[in-house]
Amino acid sequence: MDKKTQATTAYKVKLSQNAIQNIDEIVGYIAFIQQQPINAIKVGDTIYAAIEKIQTNPYAYKECHSIPTKK
């Protein structure tokens, strides 16, 4: 499949418990430590929207050219 081709089926993205905890800590820090609850909601929503975008199109974001990969 070409990298620019969108996937025709949705994929399942699994988040580890650690990843979910990290997202909660980020959102909590913004909401409670920085006292910006509206921005915390926006950040949380944006993170989960990006994950949903990856589910529907795994090639939505470009690969970082600075980090060598096997393929």
PDB file of N, CA and C in Angstrom:
ATOM      1  N   MET A   1       0.853  -1.181   0.000  1.00  0.00           N
ATOM      2  CA  MET A   1       0.000   0.000   0.000  1.00  0.00           C
ATOM      3  C   MET A   1       0.892   1.236   0.000  1.00  0.00           C
ATOM      4  N   ASP A   2       0.593   2.181  -0.830  1.00  0.00           N
ATOM      5  CA  ASP A   2       1.319   3.439  -0.914  1.00  0.00           C
ATOM      6  C   ASP A   2       1.094   4.247   0.370  1.00  0.00           C
ATOM      7  N   LYS A   3       2.130   4.936   0.840  1.00  0.00           N
ATOM      8  CA  LYS A   3       2.026   5.704   2.073  1.00  0.00           C
ATOM      9  C   LYS A   3       0.982   6.808   1.986  1.00  0.00           C
ATOM     10  N   LYS A   4       0.757   7.328   0.790  1.00  0.00           N
ATOM     11  CA  LYS A   4      -0.201   8.413   0.638  1.00  0.00           C
ATOM     12  C   LYS A   4      -1.634   7.902   0.472  1.00  0.00           C
ATOM     13  N   THR A   5      -1.792   6.604   0.313  1.00  0.00           N
ATOM     14  CA  THR A   5      -3.109   6.025   0.140  1.00  0.00           C
ATOM     15  C   THR A   5      -3.798   5.912   1.486  1.00  0.00           C
ATOM     16  N   GLN A   6      -5.037   6.332   1.545  1.00  0.00           N
ATOM     17  CA  GLN A   6      -5.787   6.207   2.781  1.00  0.00           C
ATOM     18  C   GLN A   6      -6.268   4.772   2.945  1.00  0.00           C
ATOM     19  N   ALA A   7      -6.322   4.334   4.170  1.00  0.00           N
ATOM     20  CA  ALA A   7      -6.792   2.987   4.461  1.00  0.00           C
ATOM     21  C   ALA A   7      -8.294   2.910   4.212  1.00  0.00           C
ATOM     22  N   THR A   8      -8.746   1.782   3.690  1.00  0.00           N
ATOM     23  CA  THR A   8     -10.172   1.623   3.408  1.00  0.00           C
ATOM     24  C   THR A   8     -10.917   1.063   4.610  1.00  0.00           C
ATOM     25  N   THR A   9     -10.199   0.470   5.558  1.00  0.00           N
ATOM     26  CA  THR A   9     -10.846  -0.042   6.758  1.00  0.00           C
ATOM     27  C   THR A   9     -10.263   0.648   7.978  1.00  0.00           C
ATOM     28  N   ALA A  10     -11.058   0.718   9.027  1.00  0.00           N
ATOM     29  CA  ALA A  10     -10.586   1.324  10.267  1.00  0.00           C
ATOM     30  C   ALA A  10      -9.754   0.299  11.028  1.00  0.00           C
ATOM     31  N   TYR A  11      -8.724   0.771  11.656  1.00  0.00           N
ATOM     32  CA  TYR A  11      -7.857  -0.065  12.468  1.00  0.00           C
ATOM     33  C   TYR A  11      -8.131   0.217  13.935  1.00  0.00           C
ATOM     34  N   LYS A  12      -7.740  -0.700  14.775  1.00  0.00           N
ATOM     35  CA  LYS A  12      -7.924  -0.517  16.210  1.00  0.00           C
ATOM     36  C   LYS A  12      -6.597  -0.094  16.816  1.00  0.00           C
ATOM     37  N   VAL A  13      -6.592   1.047  17.488  1.00  0.00           N
ATOM     38  CA  VAL A  13      -5.406   1.536  18.175  1.00  0.00           C
ATOM     39  C   VAL A  13      -5.583   1.198  19.648  1.00  0.00           C
ATOM     40  N   LYS A  14      -4.628   0.470  20.188  1.00  0.00           N
ATOM     41  CA  LYS A  14      -4.691   0.089  21.596  1.00  0.00           C
ATOM     42  C   LYS A  14      -3.787   1.010  22.401  1.00  0.00           C
ATOM     43  N   LEU A  15      -4.338   1.626  23.420  1.00  0.00           N
ATOM     44  CA  LEU A  15      -3.568   2.474  24.310  1.00  0.00           C
ATOM     45  C   LEU A  15      -3.251   1.679  25.575  1.00  0.00           C
ATOM     46  N   SER A  16      -1.999   1.706  25.965  1.00  0.00           N
ATOM     47  CA  SER A  16      -1.623   1.022  27.198  1.00  0.00           C
ATOM     48  C   SER A  16      -2.161   1.806  28.391  1.00  0.00           C
ATOM     49  N   GLN A  17      -2.217   1.131  29.518  1.00  0.00           N
ATOM     50  CA  GLN A  17      -2.659   1.795  30.746  1.00  0.00           C
ATOM     51  C   GLN A  17      -1.718   2.949  31.078  1.00  0.00           C
ATOM     52  N   ASN A  18      -0.436   2.769  30.802  1.00  0.00           N
ATOM     53  CA  ASN A  18       0.555   3.818  31.041  1.00  0.00           C
ATOM     54  C   ASN A  18       0.280   5.042  30.161  1.00  0.00           C
ATOM     55  N   ALA A  19      -0.071   4.811  28.907  1.00  0.00           N
ATOM     56  CA  ALA A  19      -0.365   5.930  27.998  1.00  0.00           C
ATOM     57  C   ALA A  19      -1.594   6.705  28.469  1.00  0.00           C
ATOM     58  N   ILE A  20      -2.615   5.995  28.871  1.00  0.00           N
ATOM     59  CA  ILE A  20      -3.832   6.656  29.358  1.00  0.00           C
ATOM     60  C   ILE A  20      -3.526   7.460  30.620  1.00  0.00           C
ATOM     61  N   GLN A  21      -2.716   6.878  31.501  1.00  0.00           N
ATOM     62  CA  GLN A  21      -2.328   7.575  32.733  1.00  0.00           C
ATOM     63  C   GLN A  21      -1.531   8.838  32.402  1.00  0.00           C
ATOM     64  N   ASN A  22      -0.640   8.750  31.428  1.00  0.00           N
ATOM     65  CA  ASN A  22       0.146   9.927  31.031  1.00  0.00           C
ATOM     66  C   ASN A  22      -0.737  11.027  30.471  1.00  0.00           C
ATOM     67  N   ILE A  23      -1.715  10.657  29.658  1.00  0.00           N
ATOM     68  CA  ILE A  23      -2.642  11.658  29.107  1.00  0.00           C
ATOM     69  C   ILE A  23      -3.419  12.317  30.239  1.00  0.00           C
ATOM     70  N   ASP A  24      -3.887  11.497  31.190  1.00  0.00           N
ATOM     71  CA  ASP A  24      -4.609  12.048  32.342  1.00  0.00           C
ATOM     72  C   ASP A  24      -3.733  12.994  33.163  1.00  0.00           C
ATOM     73  N   GLU A  25      -2.455  12.647  33.325  1.00  0.00           N
ATOM     74  CA  GLU A  25      -1.539  13.509  34.076  1.00  0.00           C
ATOM     75  C   GLU A  25      -1.300  14.832  33.356  1.00  0.00           C
ATOM     76  N   ILE A  26      -1.177  14.781  32.040  1.00  0.00           N
ATOM     77  CA  ILE A  26      -0.985  16.005  31.255  1.00  0.00           C
ATOM     78  C   ILE A  26      -2.195  16.915  31.395  1.00  0.00           C
ATOM     79  N   VAL A  27      -3.371  16.334  31.209  1.00  0.00           N
ATOM     80  CA  VAL A  27      -4.608  17.116  31.292  1.00  0.00           C
ATOM     81  C   VAL A  27      -4.805  17.647  32.716  1.00  0.00           C
ATOM     82  N   GLY A  28      -4.518  16.808  33.713  1.00  0.00           N
ATOM     83  CA  GLY A  28      -4.642  17.237  35.102  1.00  0.00           C
ATOM     84  C   GLY A  28      -3.689  18.364  35.453  1.00  0.00           C
ATOM     85  N   TYR A  29      -2.475  18.287  34.944  1.00  0.00           N
ATOM     86  CA  TYR A  29      -1.495  19.344  35.188  1.00  0.00           C
ATOM     87  C   TYR A  29      -1.988  20.675  34.630  1.00  0.00           C
ATOM     88  N   ILE A  30      -2.487  20.636  33.411  1.00  0.00           N
ATOM     89  CA  ILE A  30      -2.971  21.875  32.788  1.00  0.00           C
ATOM     90  C   ILE A  30      -4.186  22.408  33.549  1.00  0.00           C
ATOM     91  N   ALA A  31      -5.080  21.502  33.927  1.00  0.00           N
ATOM     92  CA  ALA A  31      -6.317  21.925  34.586  1.00  0.00           C
ATOM     93  C   ALA A  31      -6.083  22.438  36.004  1.00  0.00           C
ATOM     94  N   PHE A  32      -5.282  21.697  36.794  1.00  0.00           N
ATOM     95  CA  PHE A  32      -5.182  22.020  38.215  1.00  0.00           C
ATOM     96  C   PHE A  32      -3.938  22.827  38.583  1.00  0.00           C
ATOM     97  N   ILE A  33      -2.791  22.471  38.043  1.00  0.00           N
ATOM     98  CA  ILE A  33      -1.567  23.190  38.388  1.00  0.00           C
ATOM     99  C   ILE A  33      -1.523  24.538  37.667  1.00  0.00           C
ATOM    100  N   GLN A  34      -1.804  24.516  36.371  1.00  0.00           N
ATOM    101  CA  GLN A  34      -1.810  25.752  35.588  1.00  0.00           C
ATOM    102  C   GLN A  34      -3.142  26.496  35.697  1.00  0.00           C
ATOM    103  N   GLN A  35      -4.139  25.848  36.283  1.00  0.00           N
ATOM    104  CA  GLN A  35      -5.477  26.410  36.480  1.00  0.00           C
ATOM    105  C   GLN A  35      -6.096  26.923  35.184  1.00  0.00           C
ATOM    106  N   GLN A  36      -6.036  26.050  34.157  1.00  0.00           N
ATOM    107  CA  GLN A  36      -6.636  26.365  32.865  1.00  0.00           C
ATOM    108  C   GLN A  36      -7.494  25.181  32.408  1.00  0.00           C
ATOM    109  N   PRO A  37      -8.637  24.984  33.049  1.00  0.00           N
ATOM    110  CA  PRO A  37      -9.447  23.793  32.744  1.00  0.00           C
ATOM    111  C   PRO A  37      -9.969  23.746  31.303  1.00  0.00           C
ATOM    112  N   ILE A  38     -10.278  24.865  30.729  1.00  0.00           N
ATOM    113  CA  ILE A  38     -10.777  24.874  29.346  1.00  0.00           C
ATOM    114  C   ILE A  38      -9.670  24.412  28.395  1.00  0.00           C
ATOM    115  N   ASN A  39      -8.452  24.902  28.604  1.00  0.00           N
ATOM    116  CA  ASN A  39      -7.332  24.474  27.773  1.00  0.00           C
ATOM    117  C   ASN A  39      -7.029  22.995  27.988  1.00  0.00           C
ATOM    118  N   ALA A  40      -7.193  22.513  29.211  1.00  0.00           N
ATOM    119  CA  ALA A  40      -6.967  21.101  29.495  1.00  0.00           C
ATOM    120  C   ALA A  40      -7.949  20.233  28.706  1.00  0.00           C
ATOM    121  N   ILE A  41      -9.182  20.648  28.646  1.00  0.00           N
ATOM    122  CA  ILE A  41     -10.188  19.911  27.870  1.00  0.00           C
ATOM    123  C   ILE A  41      -9.813  19.907  26.394  1.00  0.00           C
ATOM    124  N   LYS A  42      -9.385  21.050  25.894  1.00  0.00           N
ATOM    125  CA  LYS A  42      -8.995  21.149  24.480  1.00  0.00           C
ATOM    126  C   LYS A  42      -7.818  20.239  24.168  1.00  0.00           C
ATOM    127  N   VAL A  43      -6.825  20.204  25.063  1.00  0.00           N
ATOM    128  CA  VAL A  43      -5.652  19.356  24.853  1.00  0.00           C
ATOM    129  C   VAL A  43      -6.067  17.882  24.861  1.00  0.00           C
ATOM    130  N   GLY A  44      -6.860  17.480  25.840  1.00  0.00           N
ATOM    131  CA  GLY A  44      -7.329  16.097  25.904  1.00  0.00           C
ATOM    132  C   GLY A  44      -8.125  15.702  24.668  1.00  0.00           C
ATOM    133  N   ASP A  45      -9.014  16.569  24.252  1.00  0.00           N
ATOM    134  CA  ASP A  45      -9.819  16.295  23.053  1.00  0.00           C
ATOM    135  C   ASP A  45      -8.930  16.183  21.810  1.00  0.00           C
ATOM    136  N   THR A  46      -7.913  17.030  21.713  1.00  0.00           N
ATOM    137  CA  THR A  46      -7.013  17.009  20.560  1.00  0.00           C
ATOM    138  C   THR A  46      -6.190  15.723  20.520  1.00  0.00           C
ATOM    139  N   ILE A  47      -5.727  15.270  21.676  1.00  0.00           N
ATOM    140  CA  ILE A  47      -4.963  14.025  21.731  1.00  0.00           C
ATOM    141  C   ILE A  47      -5.829  12.858  21.264  1.00  0.00           C
ATOM    142  N   TYR A  48      -7.040  12.762  21.796  1.00  0.00           N
ATOM    143  CA  TYR A  48      -7.916  11.652  21.408  1.00  0.00           C
ATOM    144  C   TYR A  48      -8.397  11.779  19.959  1.00  0.00           C
ATOM    145  N   ALA A  49      -8.537  12.999  19.455  1.00  0.00           N
ATOM    146  CA  ALA A  49      -8.892  13.187  18.044  1.00  0.00           C
ATOM    147  C   ALA A  49      -7.766  12.694  17.134  1.00  0.00           C
ATOM    148  N   ALA A  50      -6.525  12.947  17.538  1.00  0.00           N
ATOM    149  CA  ALA A  50      -5.387  12.460  16.752  1.00  0.00           C
ATOM    150  C   ALA A  50      -5.346  10.939  16.734  1.00  0.00           C
ATOM    151  N   ILE A  51      -5.658  10.323  17.862  1.00  0.00           N
ATOM    152  CA  ILE A  51      -5.694   8.859  17.933  1.00  0.00           C
ATOM    153  C   ILE A  51      -6.794   8.316  17.029  1.00  0.00           C
ATOM    154  N   GLU A  52      -7.954   8.949  17.039  1.00  0.00           N
ATOM    155  CA  GLU A  52      -9.041   8.527  16.153  1.00  0.00           C
ATOM    156  C   GLU A  52      -8.664   8.700  14.685  1.00  0.00           C
ATOM    157  N   LYS A  53      -7.928   9.760  14.382  1.00  0.00           N
ATOM    158  CA  LYS A  53      -7.485   9.997  13.006  1.00  0.00           C
ATOM    159  C   LYS A  53      -6.545   8.877  12.549  1.00  0.00           C
ATOM    160  N   ILE A  54      -5.678   8.442  13.447  1.00  0.00           N
ATOM    161  CA  ILE A  54      -4.771   7.333  13.133  1.00  0.00           C
ATOM    162  C   ILE A  54      -5.557   6.047  12.914  1.00  0.00           C
ATOM    163  N   GLN A  55      -6.641   5.843  13.665  1.00  0.00           N
ATOM    164  CA  GLN A  55      -7.464   4.645  13.484  1.00  0.00           C
ATOM    165  C   GLN A  55      -8.064   4.586  12.089  1.00  0.00           C
ATOM    166  N   THR A  56      -8.506   5.708  11.585  1.00  0.00           N
ATOM    167  CA  THR A  56      -9.139   5.721  10.274  1.00  0.00           C
ATOM    168  C   THR A  56      -8.137   5.818   9.133  1.00  0.00           C
ATOM    169  N   ASN A  57      -6.970   6.426   9.421  1.00  0.00           N
ATOM    170  CA  ASN A  57      -5.949   6.571   8.396  1.00  0.00           C
ATOM    171  C   ASN A  57      -4.568   6.443   9.042  1.00  0.00           C
ATOM    172  N   PRO A  58      -4.008   5.242   9.071  1.00  0.00           N
ATOM    173  CA  PRO A  58      -2.723   5.035   9.735  1.00  0.00           C
ATOM    174  C   PRO A  58      -1.576   5.848   9.134  1.00  0.00           C
ATOM    175  N   TYR A  59      -1.724   6.335   7.917  1.00  0.00           N
ATOM    176  CA  TYR A  59      -0.680   7.121   7.262  1.00  0.00           C
ATOM    177  C   TYR A  59      -0.971   8.614   7.330  1.00  0.00           C
ATOM    178  N   ALA A  60      -1.801   9.029   8.282  1.00  0.00           N
ATOM    179  CA  ALA A  60      -2.199  10.433   8.377  1.00  0.00           C
ATOM    180  C   ALA A  60      -1.035  11.354   8.730  1.00  0.00           C
ATOM    181  N   TYR A  61      -0.095  10.844   9.499  1.00  0.00           N
ATOM    182  CA  TYR A  61       1.039  11.658   9.925  1.00  0.00           C
ATOM    183  C   TYR A  61       2.306  11.118   9.285  1.00  0.00           C
ATOM    184  N   LYS A  62       3.170  12.025   8.855  1.00  0.00           N
ATOM    185  CA  LYS A  62       4.407  11.621   8.196  1.00  0.00           C
ATOM    186  C   LYS A  62       5.380  11.012   9.192  1.00  0.00           C
ATOM    187  N   GLU A  63       6.197  10.122   8.683  1.00  0.00           N
ATOM    188  CA  GLU A  63       7.255   9.524   9.474  1.00  0.00           C
ATOM    189  C   GLU A  63       8.365  10.551   9.677  1.00  0.00           C
ATOM    190  N   CYS A  64       8.938  10.565  10.857  1.00  0.00           N
ATOM    191  CA  CYS A  64      10.031  11.490  11.150  1.00  0.00           C
ATOM    192  C   CYS A  64      11.289  11.019  10.431  1.00  0.00           C
ATOM    193  N   HIS A  65      11.862  11.857   9.580  1.00  0.00           N
ATOM    194  CA  HIS A  65      13.043  11.476   8.807  1.00  0.00           C
ATOM    195  C   HIS A  65      14.308  11.460   9.667  1.00  0.00           C
ATOM    196  N   SER A  66      14.270  12.097  10.830  1.00  0.00           N
ATOM    197  CA  SER A  66      15.436  12.130  11.701  1.00  0.00           C
ATOM    198  C   SER A  66      15.638  10.829  12.478  1.00  0.00           C
ATOM    199  N   ILE A  67      14.558  10.038  12.574  1.00  0.00           N
ATOM    200  CA  ILE A  67      14.630   8.791  13.321  1.00  0.00           C
ATOM    201  C   ILE A  67      14.650   7.633  12.314  1.00  0.00           C
ATOM    202  N   PRO A  68      15.756   6.898  12.245  1.00  0.00           N
ATOM    203  CA  PRO A  68      15.819   5.783  11.298  1.00  0.00           C
ATOM    204  C   PRO A  68      14.879   4.644  11.689  1.00  0.00           C
ATOM    205  N   THR A  69      14.221   4.073  10.702  1.00  0.00           N
ATOM    206  CA  THR A  69      13.334   2.941  10.941  1.00  0.00           C
ATOM    207  C   THR A  69      13.801   1.749  10.109  1.00  0.00           C
ATOM    208  N   LYS A  70      13.227   0.585  10.381  1.00  0.00           N
ATOM    209  CA  LYS A  70      13.648  -0.630   9.681  1.00  0.00           C
ATOM    210  C   LYS A  70      13.121  -0.676   8.253  1.00  0.00           C
ATOM    211  N   LYS A  71      11.979  -0.024   7.994  1.00  0.00           N
ATOM    212  CA  LYS A  71      11.407  -0.051   6.641  1.00  0.00           C
ATOM    213  C   LYS A  71      11.425   1.324   6.040  1.00  0.00           C
TER     214      LYS A  71
END
